[in-house]
Amino acid sequence: MPWRLIVIIAIFAVLLGFIGFNLTNTCDISLGFKTFHGVPVYLTVFVSFMLGMVSSLPFFIFGILKKKKPKMQEFSDSAEKTKKTDDQGSYGID
């Protein structure tokens, strides 16, 4: 059986257990200008988790783009170094 399927089933089992144990727990959420009364706790947890994931996504994407850029520059720098050693001699020693 594929391991990904087992992991997904385990995650859903934990989520369903969390929801089942917190069905009656509610809280009030105030946004400053509006207050929501009787919001289930599991919705609060899931929404805050998703907002955290969405807010970290730009940092993840920009981090990947920064890592790719220097690699391209290193490749071009190493190509220039090989050209210089060919012009200067067999080992690039003066």
PDB file of N, CA and C in Angstrom:
ATOM      1  N   MET A   1       0.846  -1.176   0.000  1.00  0.00           N
ATOM      2  CA  MET A   1       0.000   0.000   0.000  1.00  0.00           C
ATOM      3  C   MET A   1       0.894   1.242   0.000  1.00  0.00           C
ATOM      4  N   PRO A   2       0.578   2.240  -0.806  1.00  0.00           N
ATOM      5  CA  PRO A   2       1.412   3.442  -0.869  1.00  0.00           C
ATOM      6  C   PRO A   2       1.449   4.186   0.473  1.00  0.00           C
ATOM      7  N   TRP A   3       2.635   4.673   0.818  1.00  0.00           N
ATOM      8  CA  TRP A   3       2.808   5.364   2.098  1.00  0.00           C
ATOM      9  C   TRP A   3       2.077   6.689   2.143  1.00  0.00           C
ATOM     10  N   ARG A   4       1.973   7.346   1.019  1.00  0.00           N
ATOM     11  CA  ARG A   4       1.260   8.629   1.001  1.00  0.00           C
ATOM     12  C   ARG A   4      -0.196   8.447   1.388  1.00  0.00           C
ATOM     13  N   LEU A   5      -0.820   7.396   0.893  1.00  0.00           N
ATOM     14  CA  LEU A   5      -2.223   7.128   1.214  1.00  0.00           C
ATOM     15  C   LEU A   5      -2.392   6.863   2.703  1.00  0.00           C
ATOM     16  N   ILE A   6      -1.474   6.124   3.293  1.00  0.00           N
ATOM     17  CA  ILE A   6      -1.548   5.832   4.727  1.00  0.00           C
ATOM     18  C   ILE A   6      -1.393   7.119   5.532  1.00  0.00           C
ATOM     19  N   VAL A   7      -0.476   7.984   5.123  1.00  0.00           N
ATOM     20  CA  VAL A   7      -0.260   9.251   5.830  1.00  0.00           C
ATOM     21  C   VAL A   7      -1.496  10.141   5.712  1.00  0.00           C
ATOM     22  N   ILE A   8      -2.085  10.228   4.532  1.00  0.00           N
ATOM     23  CA  ILE A   8      -3.280  11.044   4.336  1.00  0.00           C
ATOM     24  C   ILE A   8      -4.438  10.521   5.179  1.00  0.00           C
ATOM     25  N   ILE A   9      -4.617   9.213   5.231  1.00  0.00           N
ATOM     26  CA  ILE A   9      -5.678   8.626   6.053  1.00  0.00           C
ATOM     27  C   ILE A   9      -5.437   8.926   7.524  1.00  0.00           C
ATOM     28  N   ALA A  10      -4.201   8.860   7.986  1.00  0.00           N
ATOM     29  CA  ALA A  10      -3.885   9.159   9.381  1.00  0.00           C
ATOM     30  C   ALA A  10      -4.157  10.627   9.700  1.00  0.00           C
ATOM     31  N   ILE A  11      -3.803  11.528   8.778  1.00  0.00           N
ATOM     32  CA  ILE A  11      -4.060  12.954   8.994  1.00  0.00           C
ATOM     33  C   ILE A  11      -5.560  13.221   9.084  1.00  0.00           C
ATOM     34  N   PHE A  12      -6.333  12.627   8.190  1.00  0.00           N
ATOM     35  CA  PHE A  12      -7.781  12.813   8.246  1.00  0.00           C
ATOM     36  C   PHE A  12      -8.384  12.225   9.512  1.00  0.00           C
ATOM     37  N   ALA A  13      -7.847  11.120   9.992  1.00  0.00           N
ATOM     38  CA  ALA A  13      -8.347  10.530  11.238  1.00  0.00           C
ATOM     39  C   ALA A  13      -8.097  11.467  12.418  1.00  0.00           C
ATOM     40  N   VAL A  14      -6.921  12.078  12.465  1.00  0.00           N
ATOM     41  CA  VAL A  14      -6.608  13.028  13.543  1.00  0.00           C
ATOM     42  C   VAL A  14      -7.520  14.250  13.440  1.00  0.00           C
ATOM     43  N   LEU A  15      -7.721  14.762  12.217  1.00  0.00           N
ATOM     44  CA  LEU A  15      -8.594  15.920  12.035  1.00  0.00           C
ATOM     45  C   LEU A  15     -10.030  15.613  12.446  1.00  0.00           C
ATOM     46  N   LEU A  16     -10.536  14.462  12.056  1.00  0.00           N
ATOM     47  CA  LEU A  16     -11.900  14.094  12.432  1.00  0.00           C
ATOM     48  C   LEU A  16     -12.029  13.912  13.944  1.00  0.00           C
ATOM     49  N   GLY A  17     -11.008  13.357  14.574  1.00  0.00           N
ATOM     50  CA  GLY A  17     -11.030  13.230  16.027  1.00  0.00           C
ATOM     51  C   GLY A  17     -11.031  14.589  16.700  1.00  0.00           C
ATOM     52  N   PHE A  18     -10.224  15.518  16.210  1.00  0.00           N
ATOM     53  CA  PHE A  18     -10.178  16.872  16.766  1.00  0.00           C
ATOM     54  C   PHE A  18     -11.531  17.555  16.620  1.00  0.00           C
ATOM     55  N   ILE A  19     -12.142  17.432  15.447  1.00  0.00           N
ATOM     56  CA  ILE A  19     -13.455  18.042  15.222  1.00  0.00           C
ATOM     57  C   ILE A  19     -14.503  17.404  16.111  1.00  0.00           C
ATOM     58  N   GLY A  20     -14.466  16.095  16.224  1.00  0.00           N
ATOM     59  CA  GLY A  20     -15.457  15.391  17.040  1.00  0.00           C
ATOM     60  C   GLY A  20     -15.394  15.768  18.513  1.00  0.00           C
ATOM     61  N   PHE A  21     -14.192  15.948  19.044  1.00  0.00           N
ATOM     62  CA  PHE A  21     -14.053  16.304  20.454  1.00  0.00           C
ATOM     63  C   PHE A  21     -14.385  17.776  20.721  1.00  0.00           C
ATOM     64  N   ASN A  22     -14.365  18.629  19.695  1.00  0.00           N
ATOM     65  CA  ASN A  22     -14.588  20.060  19.889  1.00  0.00           C
ATOM     66  C   ASN A  22     -15.873  20.573  19.247  1.00  0.00           C
ATOM     67  N   LEU A  23     -16.842  19.704  18.990  1.00  0.00           N
ATOM     68  CA  LEU A  23     -18.081  20.152  18.361  1.00  0.00           C
ATOM     69  C   LEU A  23     -18.852  21.124  19.242  1.00  0.00           C
ATOM     70  N   THR A  24     -18.855  20.916  20.541  1.00  0.00           N
ATOM     71  CA  THR A  24     -19.647  21.765  21.426  1.00  0.00           C
ATOM     72  C   THR A  24     -18.872  22.988  21.923  1.00  0.00           C
ATOM     73  N   ASN A  25     -17.562  23.022  21.746  1.00  0.00           N
ATOM     74  CA  ASN A  25     -16.757  24.164  22.196  1.00  0.00           C
ATOM     75  C   ASN A  25     -16.879  25.292  21.181  1.00  0.00           C
ATOM     76  N   THR A  26     -17.291  26.450  21.658  1.00  0.00           N
ATOM     77  CA  THR A  26     -17.413  27.611  20.784  1.00  0.00           C
ATOM     78  C   THR A  26     -16.685  28.792  21.398  1.00  0.00           C
ATOM     79  N   CYS A  27     -16.411  29.789  20.571  1.00  0.00           N
ATOM     80  CA  CYS A  27     -15.733  30.998  21.047  1.00  0.00           C
ATOM     81  C   CYS A  27     -16.268  32.202  20.290  1.00  0.00           C
ATOM     82  N   ASP A  28     -15.964  33.380  20.795  1.00  0.00           N
ATOM     83  CA  ASP A  28     -16.322  34.625  20.128  1.00  0.00           C
ATOM     84  C   ASP A  28     -15.082  35.194  19.470  1.00  0.00           C
ATOM     85  N   ILE A  29     -15.227  35.626  18.218  1.00  0.00           N
ATOM     86  CA  ILE A  29     -14.112  36.196  17.481  1.00  0.00           C
ATOM     87  C   ILE A  29     -14.443  37.645  17.169  1.00  0.00           C
ATOM     88  N   SER A  30     -13.571  38.554  17.599  1.00  0.00           N
ATOM     89  CA  SER A  30     -13.766  39.976  17.358  1.00  0.00           C
ATOM     90  C   SER A  30     -12.747  40.458  16.338  1.00  0.00           C
ATOM     91  N   LEU A  31     -13.232  41.096  15.282  1.00  0.00           N
ATOM     92  CA  LEU A  31     -12.369  41.669  14.258  1.00  0.00           C
ATOM     93  C   LEU A  31     -12.173  43.165  14.466  1.00  0.00           C
ATOM     94  N   GLY A  32     -12.651  43.700  15.563  1.00  0.00           N
ATOM     95  CA  GLY A  32     -12.545  45.124  15.856  1.00  0.00           C
ATOM     96  C   GLY A  32     -13.828  45.852  15.522  1.00  0.00           C
ATOM     97  N   PHE A  33     -14.345  45.637  14.330  1.00  0.00           N
ATOM     98  CA  PHE A  33     -15.571  46.294  13.917  1.00  0.00           C
ATOM     99  C   PHE A  33     -16.772  45.346  13.932  1.00  0.00           C
ATOM    100  N   LYS A  34     -16.518  44.037  13.998  1.00  0.00           N
ATOM    101  CA  LYS A  34     -17.596  43.042  14.015  1.00  0.00           C
ATOM    102  C   LYS A  34     -17.171  41.900  14.913  1.00  0.00           C
ATOM    103  N   THR A  35     -18.143  41.366  15.660  1.00  0.00           N
ATOM    104  CA  THR A  35     -17.887  40.236  16.541  1.00  0.00           C
ATOM    105  C   THR A  35     -18.742  39.056  16.097  1.00  0.00           C
ATOM    106  N   PHE A  36     -18.095  37.923  15.915  1.00  0.00           N
ATOM    107  CA  PHE A  36     -18.802  36.696  15.567  1.00  0.00           C
ATOM    108  C   PHE A  36     -18.969  35.878  16.839  1.00  0.00           C
ATOM    109  N   HIS A  37     -20.210  35.526  17.166  1.00  0.00           N
ATOM    110  CA  HIS A  37     -20.508  34.778  18.385  1.00  0.00           C
ATOM    111  C   HIS A  37     -20.761  33.312  18.042  1.00  0.00           C
ATOM    112  N   GLY A  38     -20.281  32.431  18.892  1.00  0.00           N
ATOM    113  CA  GLY A  38     -20.568  31.002  18.752  1.00  0.00           C
ATOM    114  C   GLY A  38     -19.840  30.318  17.610  1.00  0.00           C
ATOM    115  N   VAL A  39     -18.643  30.731  17.312  1.00  0.00           N
ATOM    116  CA  VAL A  39     -17.855  30.099  16.247  1.00  0.00           C
ATOM    117  C   VAL A  39     -17.201  28.851  16.829  1.00  0.00           C
ATOM    118  N   PRO A  40     -17.350  27.692  16.171  1.00  0.00           N
ATOM    119  CA  PRO A  40     -16.704  26.476  16.683  1.00  0.00           C
ATOM    120  C   PRO A  40     -15.183  26.622  16.735  1.00  0.00           C
ATOM    121  N   VAL A  41     -14.588  26.019  17.745  1.00  0.00           N
ATOM    122  CA  VAL A  41     -13.148  26.141  17.957  1.00  0.00           C
ATOM    123  C   VAL A  41     -12.363  25.537  16.794  1.00  0.00           C
ATOM    124  N   TYR A  42     -12.829  24.425  16.246  1.00  0.00           N
ATOM    125  CA  TYR A  42     -12.068  23.793  15.167  1.00  0.00           C
ATOM    126  C   TYR A  42     -12.012  24.680  13.927  1.00  0.00           C
ATOM    127  N   LEU A  43     -13.067  25.470  13.666  1.00  0.00           N
ATOM    128  CA  LEU A  43     -13.012  26.404  12.539  1.00  0.00           C
ATOM    129  C   LEU A  43     -11.990  27.508  12.788  1.00  0.00           C
ATOM    130  N   THR A  44     -11.917  27.975  14.021  1.00  0.00           N
ATOM    131  CA  THR A  44     -10.929  28.992  14.372  1.00  0.00           C
ATOM    132  C   THR A  44      -9.517  28.462  14.161  1.00  0.00           C
ATOM    133  N   VAL A  45      -9.267  27.238  14.583  1.00  0.00           N
ATOM    134  CA  VAL A  45      -7.937  26.647  14.439  1.00  0.00           C
ATOM    135  C   VAL A  45      -7.584  26.446  12.967  1.00  0.00           C
ATOM    136  N   PHE A  46      -8.508  25.918  12.182  1.00  0.00           N
ATOM    137  CA  PHE A  46      -8.223  25.661  10.770  1.00  0.00           C
ATOM    138  C   PHE A  46      -8.033  26.953   9.985  1.00  0.00           C
ATOM    139  N   VAL A  47      -8.845  27.964  10.252  1.00  0.00           N
ATOM    140  CA  VAL A  47      -8.711  29.232   9.533  1.00  0.00           C
ATOM    141  C   VAL A  47      -7.379  29.906   9.890  1.00  0.00           C
ATOM    142  N   SER A  48      -7.013  29.887  11.179  1.00  0.00           N
ATOM    143  CA  SER A  48      -5.738  30.510  11.554  1.00  0.00           C
ATOM    144  C   SER A  48      -4.559  29.738  10.969  1.00  0.00           C
ATOM    145  N   PHE A  49      -4.652  28.424  10.885  1.00  0.00           N
ATOM    146  CA  PHE A  49      -3.592  27.621  10.270  1.00  0.00           C
ATOM    147  C   PHE A  49      -3.465  27.946   8.785  1.00  0.00           C
ATOM    148  N   MET A  50      -4.579  28.037   8.086  1.00  0.00           N
ATOM    149  CA  MET A  50      -4.551  28.343   6.655  1.00  0.00           C
ATOM    150  C   MET A  50      -4.023  29.763   6.398  1.00  0.00           C
ATOM    151  N   LEU A  51      -4.416  30.722   7.237  1.00  0.00           N
ATOM    152  CA  LEU A  51      -3.891  32.084   7.077  1.00  0.00           C
ATOM    153  C   LEU A  51      -2.386  32.117   7.311  1.00  0.00           C
ATOM    154  N   GLY A  52      -1.900  31.325   8.247  1.00  0.00           N
ATOM    155  CA  GLY A  52      -0.461  31.239   8.470  1.00  0.00           C
ATOM    156  C   GLY A  52       0.263  30.634   7.283  1.00  0.00           C
ATOM    157  N   MET A  53      -0.330  29.606   6.685  1.00  0.00           N
ATOM    158  CA  MET A  53       0.277  28.996   5.502  1.00  0.00           C
ATOM    159  C   MET A  53       0.304  29.974   4.332  1.00  0.00           C
ATOM    160  N   VAL A  54      -0.787  30.691   4.123  1.00  0.00           N
ATOM    161  CA  VAL A  54      -0.856  31.645   3.013  1.00  0.00           C
ATOM    162  C   VAL A  54       0.122  32.790   3.235  1.00  0.00           C
ATOM    163  N   SER A  55       0.264  33.253   4.481  1.00  0.00           N
ATOM    164  CA  SER A  55       1.174  34.372   4.733  1.00  0.00           C
ATOM    165  C   SER A  55       2.643  33.956   4.623  1.00  0.00           C
ATOM    166  N   SER A  56       2.968  32.687   4.797  1.00  0.00           N
ATOM    167  CA  SER A  56       4.356  32.246   4.660  1.00  0.00           C
ATOM    168  C   SER A  56       4.701  31.867   3.218  1.00  0.00           C
ATOM    169  N   LEU A  57       3.712  31.729   2.365  1.00  0.00           N
ATOM    170  CA  LEU A  57       3.941  31.324   0.976  1.00  0.00           C
ATOM    171  C   LEU A  57       4.829  32.298   0.196  1.00  0.00           C
ATOM    172  N   PRO A  58       4.641  33.629   0.287  1.00  0.00           N
ATOM    173  CA  PRO A  58       5.553  34.525  -0.455  1.00  0.00           C
ATOM    174  C   PRO A  58       7.011  34.391  -0.027  1.00  0.00           C
ATOM    175  N   PHE A  59       7.273  34.200   1.279  1.00  0.00           N
ATOM    176  CA  PHE A  59       8.648  34.029   1.738  1.00  0.00           C
ATOM    177  C   PHE A  59       9.258  32.752   1.158  1.00  0.00           C
ATOM    178  N   PHE A  60       8.471  31.699   1.073  1.00  0.00           N
ATOM    179  CA  PHE A  60       8.936  30.436   0.506  1.00  0.00           C
ATOM    180  C   PHE A  60       9.278  30.602  -0.972  1.00  0.00           C
ATOM    181  N   ILE A  61       8.401  31.267  -1.715  1.00  0.00           N
ATOM    182  CA  ILE A  61       8.616  31.437  -3.150  1.00  0.00           C
ATOM    183  C   ILE A  61       9.838  32.325  -3.413  1.00  0.00           C
ATOM    184  N   PHE A  62       9.950  33.457  -2.682  1.00  0.00           N
ATOM    185  CA  PHE A  62      11.098  34.337  -2.877  1.00  0.00           C
ATOM    186  C   PHE A  62      12.399  33.662  -2.451  1.00  0.00           C
ATOM    187  N   GLY A  63      12.347  32.788  -1.454  1.00  0.00           N
ATOM    188  CA  GLY A  63      13.536  32.050  -1.046  1.00  0.00           C
ATOM    189  C   GLY A  63      14.015  31.110  -2.137  1.00  0.00           C
ATOM    190  N   ILE A  64      13.087  30.461  -2.807  1.00  0.00           N
ATOM    191  CA  ILE A  64      13.453  29.563  -3.904  1.00  0.00           C
ATOM    192  C   ILE A  64      14.037  30.362  -5.067  1.00  0.00           C
ATOM    193  N   LEU A  65      13.425  31.507  -5.367  1.00  0.00           N
ATOM    194  CA  LEU A  65      13.930  32.320  -6.474  1.00  0.00           C
ATOM    195  C   LEU A  65      15.324  32.865  -6.182  1.00  0.00           C
ATOM    196  N   LYS A  66      15.599  33.220  -4.929  1.00  0.00           N
ATOM    197  CA  LYS A  66      16.930  33.713  -4.572  1.00  0.00           C
ATOM    198  C   LYS A  66      17.982  32.620  -4.698  1.00  0.00           C
ATOM    199  N   LYS A  67      17.628  31.396  -4.355  1.00  0.00           N
ATOM    200  CA  LYS A  67      18.582  30.298  -4.438  1.00  0.00           C
ATOM    201  C   LYS A  67      18.899  29.943  -5.882  1.00  0.00           C
ATOM    202  N   LYS A  68      17.933  30.059  -6.769  1.00  0.00           N
ATOM    203  CA  LYS A  68      18.172  29.724  -8.167  1.00  0.00           C
ATOM    204  C   LYS A  68      19.047  30.754  -8.858  1.00  0.00           C
ATOM    205  N   LYS A  69      18.907  32.006  -8.515  1.00  0.00           N
ATOM    206  CA  LYS A  69      19.653  33.070  -9.180  1.00  0.00           C
ATOM    207  C   LYS A  69      21.161  32.961  -8.972  1.00  0.00           C
ATOM    208  N   PRO A  70      21.661  32.792  -7.748  1.00  0.00           N
ATOM    209  CA  PRO A  70      23.119  32.677  -7.587  1.00  0.00           C
ATOM    210  C   PRO A  70      23.710  31.453  -8.286  1.00  0.00           C
ATOM    211  N   LYS A  71      22.976  30.371  -8.399  1.00  0.00           N
ATOM    212  CA  LYS A  71      23.495  29.195  -9.082  1.00  0.00           C
ATOM    213  C   LYS A  71      23.772  29.501 -10.547  1.00  0.00           C
ATOM    214  N   MET A  72      22.899  30.268 -11.175  1.00  0.00           N
ATOM    215  CA  MET A  72      23.118  30.637 -12.560  1.00  0.00           C
ATOM    216  C   MET A  72      24.344  31.536 -12.671  1.00  0.00           C
ATOM    217  N   GLN A  73      24.532  32.450 -11.718  1.00  0.00           N
ATOM    218  CA  GLN A  73      25.680  33.334 -11.748  1.00  0.00           C
ATOM    219  C   GLN A  73      26.970  32.551 -11.500  1.00  0.00           C
ATOM    220  N   GLU A  74      26.925  31.577 -10.601  1.00  0.00           N
ATOM    221  CA  GLU A  74      28.114  30.768 -10.338  1.00  0.00           C
ATOM    222  C   GLU A  74      28.519  30.001 -11.595  1.00  0.00           C
ATOM    223  N   PHE A  75      27.543  29.506 -12.336  1.00  0.00           N
ATOM    224  CA  PHE A  75      27.839  28.772 -13.554  1.00  0.00           C
ATOM    225  C   PHE A  75      28.507  29.688 -14.575  1.00  0.00           C
ATOM    226  N   SER A  76      27.990  30.899 -14.719  1.00  0.00           N
ATOM    227  CA  SER A  76      28.598  31.820 -15.681  1.00  0.00           C
ATOM    228  C   SER A  76      29.983  32.266 -15.201  1.00  0.00           C
ATOM    229  N   ASP A  77      30.161  32.421 -13.873  1.00  0.00           N
ATOM    230  CA  ASP A  77      31.480  32.781 -13.336  1.00  0.00           C
ATOM    231  C   ASP A  77      32.490  31.663 -13.588  1.00  0.00           C
ATOM    232  N   SER A  78      32.075  30.421 -13.409  1.00  0.00           N
ATOM    233  CA  SER A  78      33.003  29.310 -13.634  1.00  0.00           C
ATOM    234  C   SER A  78      33.341  29.184 -15.118  1.00  0.00           C
ATOM    235  N   ALA A  79      32.403  29.506 -15.996  1.00  0.00           N
ATOM    236  CA  ALA A  79      32.683  29.482 -17.432  1.00  0.00           C
ATOM    237  C   ALA A  79      33.696  30.564 -17.795  1.00  0.00           C
ATOM    238  N   GLU A  80      33.589  31.740 -17.153  1.00  0.00           N
ATOM    239  CA  GLU A  80      34.551  32.811 -17.415  1.00  0.00           C
ATOM    240  C   GLU A  80      35.928  32.438 -16.884  1.00  0.00           C
ATOM    241  N   LYS A  81      35.993  31.745 -15.757  1.00  0.00           N
ATOM    242  CA  LYS A  81      37.279  31.338 -15.200  1.00  0.00           C
ATOM    243  C   LYS A  81      37.980  30.354 -16.120  1.00  0.00           C
ATOM    244  N   THR A  82      37.241  29.456 -16.722  1.00  0.00           N
ATOM    245  CA  THR A  82      37.857  28.492 -17.629  1.00  0.00           C
ATOM    246  C   THR A  82      38.379  29.203 -18.875  1.00  0.00           C
ATOM    247  N   LYS A  83      37.679  30.237 -19.313  1.00  0.00           N
ATOM    248  CA  LYS A  83      38.168  31.001 -20.463  1.00  0.00           C
ATOM    249  C   LYS A  83      39.472  31.710 -20.106  1.00  0.00           C
ATOM    250  N   LYS A  84      39.555  32.247 -18.909  1.00  0.00           N
ATOM    251  CA  LYS A  84      40.760  32.960 -18.497  1.00  0.00           C
ATOM    252  C   LYS A  84      41.954  32.011 -18.386  1.00  0.00           C
ATOM    253  N   THR A  85      41.728  30.817 -17.872  1.00  0.00           N
ATOM    254  CA  THR A  85      42.844  29.889 -17.740  1.00  0.00           C
ATOM    255  C   THR A  85      43.319  29.427 -19.110  1.00  0.00           C
ATOM    256  N   ASP A  86      42.427  29.328 -20.076  1.00  0.00           N
ATOM    257  CA  ASP A  86      42.838  28.932 -21.413  1.00  0.00           C
ATOM    258  C   ASP A  86      43.686  30.027 -22.071  1.00  0.00           C
ATOM    259  N   ASP A  87      43.344  31.296 -21.784  1.00  0.00           N
ATOM    260  CA  ASP A  87      44.101  32.397 -22.381  1.00  0.00           C
ATOM    261  C   ASP A  87      45.469  32.544 -21.737  1.00  0.00           C
ATOM    262  N   GLN A  88      45.590  32.225 -20.453  1.00  0.00           N
ATOM    263  CA  GLN A  88      46.823  32.480 -19.739  1.00  0.00           C
ATOM    264  C   GLN A  88      47.824  31.332 -19.849  1.00  0.00           C
ATOM    265  N   GLY A  89      47.387  30.194 -20.083  1.00  0.00           N
ATOM    266  CA  GLY A  89      48.288  29.044 -20.162  1.00  0.00           C
ATOM    267  C   GLY A  89      47.555  27.768 -19.805  1.00  0.00           C
ATOM    268  N   SER A  90      48.301  26.698 -19.726  1.00  0.00           N
ATOM    269  CA  SER A  90      47.653  25.432 -19.489  1.00  0.00           C
ATOM    270  C   SER A  90      47.046  25.328 -18.096  1.00  0.00           C
ATOM    271  N   TYR A  91      47.713  25.942 -17.083  1.00  0.00           N
ATOM    272  CA  TYR A  91      47.193  25.880 -15.727  1.00  0.00           C
ATOM    273  C   TYR A  91      46.806  27.247 -15.183  1.00  0.00           C
ATOM    274  N   GLY A  92      46.946  28.303 -15.942  1.00  0.00           N
ATOM    275  CA  GLY A  92      46.586  29.634 -15.498  1.00  0.00           C
ATOM    276  C   GLY A  92      47.582  30.246 -14.548  1.00  0.00           C
ATOM    277  N   ILE A  93      48.827  29.751 -14.561  1.00  0.00           N
ATOM    278  CA  ILE A  93      49.871  30.282 -13.669  1.00  0.00           C
ATOM    279  C   ILE A  93      50.760  31.203 -14.484  1.00  0.00           C
ATOM    280  N   ASP A  94      51.019  32.402 -13.975  1.00  0.00           N
ATOM    281  CA  ASP A  94      51.907  33.343 -14.675  1.00  0.00           C
ATOM    282  C   ASP A  94      53.332  33.148 -14.280  1.00  0.00           C
TER     283      ASP A  94
END
